[in-house]
C-alpha cells in the first residue's frame, strides 16, 4: 500500500501529521520534563497516559487539572519502569 492510499483512509478532520485524538504514553511524567511533555501533548489534543512513582491519590489532583485544562483524556498508572 502506498502513502497516498494510507492518507486517503485517515479522517478528513485530521491532517496526516496531527496528534489530535491520538494517545501517547509518557513515562516519568509526575514532575519535571516528563510532566511538561505530557502537558504539551495534552494541549495539542492528544490523550495521555502518564506513569510515575506517585500514588494514584497523590497524583489525582494534577491529573484532574490537566484533563480539565486540556479537554482530553488523561490516565495515570503508578509504575517503576527503571528496571
N, C-alpha and C. Protein backbone atom coordinates (compact mmCIF):
# COMPACT_ATOMS: atom_id res chain seq x y z
N UNK A 1 0.86 -1.18 0.00
CA UNK A 1 0.00 0.00 0.00
C UNK A 1 0.90 1.24 0.00
N UNK A 2 0.65 2.18 -0.87
CA UNK A 2 1.48 3.39 -0.93
C UNK A 2 0.97 4.45 0.04
N UNK A 3 1.76 5.50 0.20
CA UNK A 3 1.40 6.54 1.16
C UNK A 3 0.11 7.27 0.79
N UNK A 4 -0.15 7.47 -0.48
CA UNK A 4 -1.38 8.17 -0.85
C UNK A 4 -2.61 7.35 -0.47
N UNK A 5 -2.50 6.03 -0.51
CA UNK A 5 -3.62 5.18 -0.10
C UNK A 5 -3.85 5.27 1.40
N UNK A 6 -2.76 5.32 2.16
CA UNK A 6 -2.88 5.45 3.61
C UNK A 6 -3.52 6.79 3.98
N UNK A 7 -3.10 7.85 3.34
CA UNK A 7 -3.63 9.18 3.63
C UNK A 7 -5.12 9.23 3.33
N UNK A 8 -5.55 8.53 2.32
CA UNK A 8 -6.96 8.56 1.95
C UNK A 8 -7.84 7.88 2.98
N UNK A 9 -7.28 7.01 3.84
CA UNK A 9 -8.08 6.30 4.83
C UNK A 9 -8.19 7.07 6.14
N UNK A 10 -7.42 8.13 6.31
CA UNK A 10 -7.48 8.91 7.53
C UNK A 10 -8.68 9.85 7.52
N UNK A 11 -9.22 10.14 8.71
CA UNK A 11 -10.34 11.08 8.77
C UNK A 11 -9.96 12.44 8.18
N UNK A 12 -10.85 13.05 7.46
CA UNK A 12 -10.54 14.32 6.81
C UNK A 12 -10.38 15.46 7.81
N UNK A 13 -10.85 15.29 9.03
CA UNK A 13 -10.73 16.35 10.03
C UNK A 13 -9.36 16.37 10.69
N UNK A 14 -8.50 15.39 10.36
CA UNK A 14 -7.18 15.30 10.98
C UNK A 14 -6.13 15.23 9.88
N UNK A 15 -5.14 16.10 9.93
CA UNK A 15 -4.08 16.03 8.93
C UNK A 15 -3.21 14.81 9.20
N UNK A 16 -2.42 14.45 8.22
CA UNK A 16 -1.55 13.28 8.37
C UNK A 16 -0.59 13.42 9.54
N UNK A 17 -0.23 14.63 9.90
CA UNK A 17 0.78 14.83 10.92
C UNK A 17 0.22 15.30 12.26
N UNK A 18 -1.07 15.35 12.38
CA UNK A 18 -1.70 15.82 13.61
C UNK A 18 -1.70 14.71 14.67
N UNK A 19 -1.56 15.12 15.93
CA UNK A 19 -1.67 14.15 17.03
C UNK A 19 -3.01 14.26 17.73
N UNK A 20 -3.84 15.19 17.32
CA UNK A 20 -5.16 15.36 17.93
C UNK A 20 -5.94 14.05 17.88
N UNK A 21 -6.43 13.62 19.03
CA UNK A 21 -7.22 12.39 19.11
C UNK A 21 -6.40 11.12 19.26
N UNK A 22 -5.11 11.23 19.16
CA UNK A 22 -4.26 10.05 19.37
C UNK A 22 -3.96 9.90 20.84
N UNK A 23 -3.32 8.81 21.23
CA UNK A 23 -2.98 8.58 22.63
C UNK A 23 -1.48 8.39 22.76
N UNK A 24 -0.88 9.09 23.74
CA UNK A 24 0.56 9.00 23.98
C UNK A 24 0.82 8.47 25.38
N UNK A 25 1.82 7.63 25.51
CA UNK A 25 2.29 7.14 26.81
C UNK A 25 3.53 7.95 27.17
N UNK A 26 3.50 8.62 28.33
CA UNK A 26 4.63 9.43 28.78
C UNK A 26 5.12 8.86 30.10
N UNK A 27 6.33 8.32 30.10
CA UNK A 27 6.88 7.74 31.32
C UNK A 27 7.56 8.82 32.15
N UNK A 28 7.63 8.60 33.45
CA UNK A 28 8.26 9.57 34.34
C UNK A 28 7.59 10.92 34.29
N UNK A 29 6.26 10.91 34.26
CA UNK A 29 5.54 12.14 33.96
C UNK A 29 4.86 12.79 35.16
N UNK A 30 5.29 12.49 36.36
CA UNK A 30 4.65 13.13 37.52
C UNK A 30 5.24 14.50 37.83
N UNK A 31 6.38 14.83 37.24
CA UNK A 31 7.02 16.12 37.51
C UNK A 31 8.05 16.42 36.43
N UNK A 32 8.57 17.61 36.47
CA UNK A 32 9.69 17.99 35.62
C UNK A 32 9.42 17.88 34.13
N UNK A 33 10.44 17.43 33.41
CA UNK A 33 10.36 17.35 31.95
C UNK A 33 9.26 16.41 31.48
N UNK A 34 9.08 15.28 32.17
CA UNK A 34 8.03 14.33 31.78
C UNK A 34 6.65 14.95 31.86
N UNK A 35 6.37 15.69 32.93
CA UNK A 35 5.06 16.33 33.06
C UNK A 35 4.90 17.45 32.04
N UNK A 36 5.98 18.17 31.77
CA UNK A 36 5.92 19.23 30.76
C UNK A 36 5.61 18.65 29.38
N UNK A 37 6.20 17.51 29.05
CA UNK A 37 5.92 16.85 27.78
C UNK A 37 4.46 16.40 27.74
N UNK A 38 3.97 15.84 28.84
CA UNK A 38 2.58 15.41 28.90
C UNK A 38 1.63 16.60 28.72
N UNK A 39 1.94 17.72 29.33
CA UNK A 39 1.12 18.93 29.18
C UNK A 39 1.10 19.38 27.72
N UNK A 40 2.26 19.41 27.08
CA UNK A 40 2.33 19.83 25.69
C UNK A 40 1.52 18.93 24.78
N UNK A 41 1.63 17.62 24.98
CA UNK A 41 0.86 16.67 24.18
C UNK A 41 -0.64 16.85 24.41
N UNK A 42 -1.02 17.00 25.68
CA UNK A 42 -2.43 17.16 26.01
C UNK A 42 -3.01 18.44 25.41
N UNK A 43 -2.28 19.52 25.49
CA UNK A 43 -2.77 20.79 24.95
C UNK A 43 -2.77 20.80 23.43
N UNK A 44 -2.05 19.86 22.82
CA UNK A 44 -2.09 19.70 21.36
C UNK A 44 -3.24 18.78 20.94
N UNK A 45 -4.01 18.29 21.94
CA UNK A 45 -5.18 17.47 21.65
C UNK A 45 -4.98 15.98 21.75
N UNK A 46 -3.86 15.58 22.30
CA UNK A 46 -3.53 14.16 22.43
C UNK A 46 -3.99 13.65 23.79
N UNK A 47 -4.67 12.51 23.82
CA UNK A 47 -4.96 11.86 25.10
C UNK A 47 -3.64 11.36 25.64
N UNK A 48 -3.46 11.39 26.96
CA UNK A 48 -2.17 10.96 27.53
C UNK A 48 -2.36 9.93 28.63
N UNK A 49 -1.44 8.99 28.65
CA UNK A 49 -1.33 8.01 29.72
C UNK A 49 -0.01 8.32 30.41
N UNK A 50 -0.09 8.66 31.68
CA UNK A 50 1.08 9.07 32.44
C UNK A 50 1.50 7.96 33.39
N UNK A 51 2.81 7.82 33.61
CA UNK A 51 3.31 6.87 34.60
C UNK A 51 4.31 7.59 35.48
N UNK A 52 4.46 7.09 36.69
CA UNK A 52 5.42 7.66 37.62
C UNK A 52 5.39 6.91 38.93
N UNK A 53 6.10 7.44 39.91
CA UNK A 53 6.22 6.78 41.20
C UNK A 53 5.21 7.26 42.23
N UNK A 54 4.49 8.33 41.96
CA UNK A 54 3.49 8.84 42.90
C UNK A 54 2.33 7.86 43.00
N UNK A 55 1.68 7.85 44.15
CA UNK A 55 0.48 7.02 44.29
C UNK A 55 -0.65 7.65 43.48
N UNK A 56 -1.66 6.85 43.19
CA UNK A 56 -2.82 7.37 42.46
C UNK A 56 -3.43 8.57 43.19
N UNK A 57 -3.54 8.45 44.51
CA UNK A 57 -4.14 9.52 45.31
C UNK A 57 -3.29 10.79 45.28
N UNK A 58 -1.97 10.65 45.32
CA UNK A 58 -1.08 11.81 45.27
C UNK A 58 -1.18 12.55 43.93
N UNK A 59 -1.32 11.79 42.86
CA UNK A 59 -1.30 12.39 41.54
C UNK A 59 -2.69 12.80 41.03
N UNK A 60 -3.75 12.34 41.68
CA UNK A 60 -5.12 12.59 41.22
C UNK A 60 -5.43 14.08 40.97
N UNK A 61 -5.06 15.01 41.87
CA UNK A 61 -5.39 16.42 41.60
C UNK A 61 -4.69 16.96 40.35
N UNK A 62 -3.43 16.59 40.15
CA UNK A 62 -2.68 17.04 38.99
C UNK A 62 -3.27 16.44 37.71
N UNK A 63 -3.65 15.18 37.76
CA UNK A 63 -4.26 14.50 36.61
C UNK A 63 -5.58 15.17 36.24
N UNK A 64 -6.41 15.43 37.24
CA UNK A 64 -7.71 16.05 37.00
C UNK A 64 -7.56 17.46 36.43
N UNK A 65 -6.60 18.22 36.92
CA UNK A 65 -6.37 19.58 36.43
C UNK A 65 -5.92 19.56 34.98
N UNK A 66 -5.02 18.65 34.62
CA UNK A 66 -4.56 18.55 33.24
C UNK A 66 -5.71 18.14 32.32
N UNK A 67 -6.51 17.21 32.76
CA UNK A 67 -7.66 16.76 31.97
C UNK A 67 -8.65 17.91 31.74
N UNK A 68 -8.90 18.69 32.79
CA UNK A 68 -9.82 19.83 32.68
C UNK A 68 -9.24 20.92 31.79
N UNK A 69 -7.99 21.26 32.00
CA UNK A 69 -7.36 22.35 31.25
C UNK A 69 -7.21 22.05 29.76
N UNK A 70 -6.88 20.80 29.44
CA UNK A 70 -6.61 20.44 28.04
C UNK A 70 -7.84 19.88 27.33
N UNK A 71 -8.81 19.40 28.09
CA UNK A 71 -10.02 18.85 27.48
C UNK A 71 -9.80 17.52 26.78
N UNK A 72 -8.85 16.75 27.27
CA UNK A 72 -8.56 15.43 26.70
C UNK A 72 -8.60 14.38 27.80
N UNK A 73 -8.52 13.12 27.42
CA UNK A 73 -8.46 12.05 28.39
C UNK A 73 -7.07 11.94 28.99
N UNK A 74 -7.00 11.82 30.31
CA UNK A 74 -5.72 11.68 31.00
C UNK A 74 -5.85 10.51 31.97
N UNK A 75 -4.98 9.52 31.83
CA UNK A 75 -4.96 8.38 32.74
C UNK A 75 -3.60 8.35 33.44
N UNK A 76 -3.59 7.83 34.66
CA UNK A 76 -2.33 7.71 35.40
C UNK A 76 -2.20 6.30 35.95
N UNK A 77 -1.01 5.74 35.82
CA UNK A 77 -0.71 4.42 36.37
C UNK A 77 0.61 4.50 37.10
N UNK A 78 0.59 4.12 38.38
CA UNK A 78 1.84 4.08 39.14
C UNK A 78 2.68 2.95 38.57
N UNK A 79 3.91 3.27 38.18
CA UNK A 79 4.78 2.25 37.61
C UNK A 79 6.24 2.68 37.76
N UNK A 80 7.08 1.74 38.15
CA UNK A 80 8.52 1.96 38.20
C UNK A 80 9.11 1.27 36.98
N UNK A 81 9.49 2.03 36.00
CA UNK A 81 10.00 1.47 34.75
C UNK A 81 11.53 1.51 34.69
N UNK A 82 12.18 1.70 35.84
CA UNK A 82 13.64 1.82 35.88
C UNK A 82 14.35 0.52 35.54
N UNK A 83 13.72 -0.60 35.80
CA UNK A 83 14.41 -1.88 35.55
C UNK A 83 13.92 -2.54 34.29
